[in-house]
Amino acid sequence: MAKRPRQSSSKYVTHVECAKIVDGLREELKTMKVALVGEDMRGGLVKDVQEIKSATGFVKTVFLPIILSVSAAVITYLAVNGLPH
């Protein structure tokens, strides 16, 4: 985070000091924006998260029903036939 340079003992920030602080904050915000959405606004972490969500969504829609139906079949079999000795 940008720190106020202590060039004087005054409790007020000068225009020059303020401009330096603002420039530092702008650079930090630009860095965060590029990390989140990329230079072209089509990449970065946001895109990565969307791809991960898409991949996990596929797993949920394909494999979860299979696992549930197999589990239900096993439970039904054990309920009807009893536990093996």
Protein backbone atom coordinates (compact mmCIF):
# COMPACT_ATOMS: atom_id res chain seq x y z
CA MET A 1 0.00 0.00 0.00
CA ALA A 2 1.24 3.50 -0.75
CA LYS A 3 2.79 5.27 2.22
CA ARG A 4 2.90 8.99 2.75
CA PRO A 5 6.47 10.21 2.30
CA ARG A 6 7.59 12.14 5.39
CA GLN A 7 9.34 15.11 3.81
CA SER A 8 8.10 17.63 6.33
CA SER A 9 6.74 17.69 9.85
CA SER A 10 3.42 19.13 8.64
CA LYS A 11 0.25 17.16 9.34
CA TYR A 12 -1.05 18.07 5.89
CA VAL A 13 -0.26 16.27 2.64
CA THR A 14 1.07 18.46 -0.13
CA HIS A 15 -0.21 18.29 -3.69
CA VAL A 16 3.02 16.61 -4.81
CA GLU A 17 2.81 14.00 -2.05
CA CYS A 18 -0.84 13.36 -2.86
CA ALA A 19 -0.05 12.91 -6.56
CA LYS A 20 2.66 10.35 -5.72
CA ILE A 21 0.30 8.40 -3.46
CA VAL A 22 -2.46 8.42 -6.09
CA ASP A 23 -0.03 7.26 -8.79
CA GLY A 24 1.06 4.39 -6.57
CA LEU A 25 -2.54 3.38 -5.92
CA ARG A 26 -3.36 3.54 -9.63
CA GLU A 27 -0.50 1.17 -10.40
CA GLU A 28 -1.64 -1.25 -7.70
CA LEU A 29 -5.23 -1.16 -8.99
CA LYS A 30 -4.05 -1.74 -12.56
CA THR A 31 -2.02 -4.75 -11.41
CA MET A 32 -5.03 -6.21 -9.59
CA LYS A 33 -7.31 -5.61 -12.58
CA VAL A 34 -4.93 -7.35 -14.96
CA ALA A 35 -4.65 -10.30 -12.56
CA LEU A 36 -8.43 -10.59 -12.29
CA VAL A 37 -9.58 -10.06 -15.86
CA GLY A 38 -6.42 -9.91 -17.99
CA GLU A 39 -5.12 -7.22 -20.33
CA ASP A 40 -7.91 -7.80 -22.86
CA MET A 41 -10.64 -8.23 -20.21
CA ARG A 42 -11.08 -11.87 -21.33
CA GLY A 43 -8.61 -13.78 -19.19
CA GLY A 44 -7.07 -13.74 -15.77
CA LEU A 45 -8.40 -15.35 -12.63
CA VAL A 46 -12.03 -14.72 -13.54
CA LYS A 47 -11.69 -16.86 -16.66
CA ASP A 48 -9.80 -19.55 -14.75
CA VAL A 49 -12.54 -19.75 -12.12
CA GLN A 50 -15.20 -19.97 -14.83
CA GLU A 51 -13.35 -22.86 -16.50
CA ILE A 52 -13.05 -24.69 -13.17
CA LYS A 53 -16.76 -24.19 -12.48
CA SER A 54 -17.59 -25.53 -15.94
CA ALA A 55 -15.43 -28.61 -15.39
CA THR A 56 -16.92 -29.35 -11.98
CA GLY A 57 -20.41 -28.75 -13.35
CA PHE A 58 -19.82 -31.49 -15.92
CA VAL A 59 -18.70 -33.88 -13.19
CA LYS A 60 -21.80 -33.08 -11.14
CA THR A 61 -24.21 -33.57 -14.04
CA VAL A 62 -22.63 -36.78 -15.36
CA PHE A 63 -21.08 -38.69 -12.48
CA LEU A 64 -23.29 -37.74 -9.56
CA PRO A 65 -26.44 -39.35 -11.02
CA ILE A 66 -24.46 -42.53 -11.78
CA ILE A 67 -23.06 -42.70 -8.24
CA LEU A 68 -26.49 -42.07 -6.73
CA SER A 69 -28.19 -44.74 -8.81
CA VAL A 70 -25.50 -47.34 -8.06
CA SER A 71 -25.69 -46.50 -4.35
CA ALA A 72 -29.48 -46.82 -4.40
CA ALA A 73 -29.20 -50.19 -6.17
CA VAL A 74 -26.71 -51.49 -3.59
CA ILE A 75 -28.83 -50.28 -0.67
CA THR A 76 -31.95 -51.83 -2.20
CA TYR A 77 -30.14 -55.15 -2.78
CA LEU A 78 -28.87 -55.22 0.79
CA ALA A 79 -32.31 -54.32 2.15
CA VAL A 80 -34.01 -57.09 0.17
CA ASN A 81 -31.39 -59.83 0.56
CA GLY A 82 -29.85 -58.85 3.87
CA LEU A 83 -26.20 -58.44 4.70
CA PRO A 84 -23.92 -61.30 3.59
CA HIS A 85 -22.49 -63.47 6.40
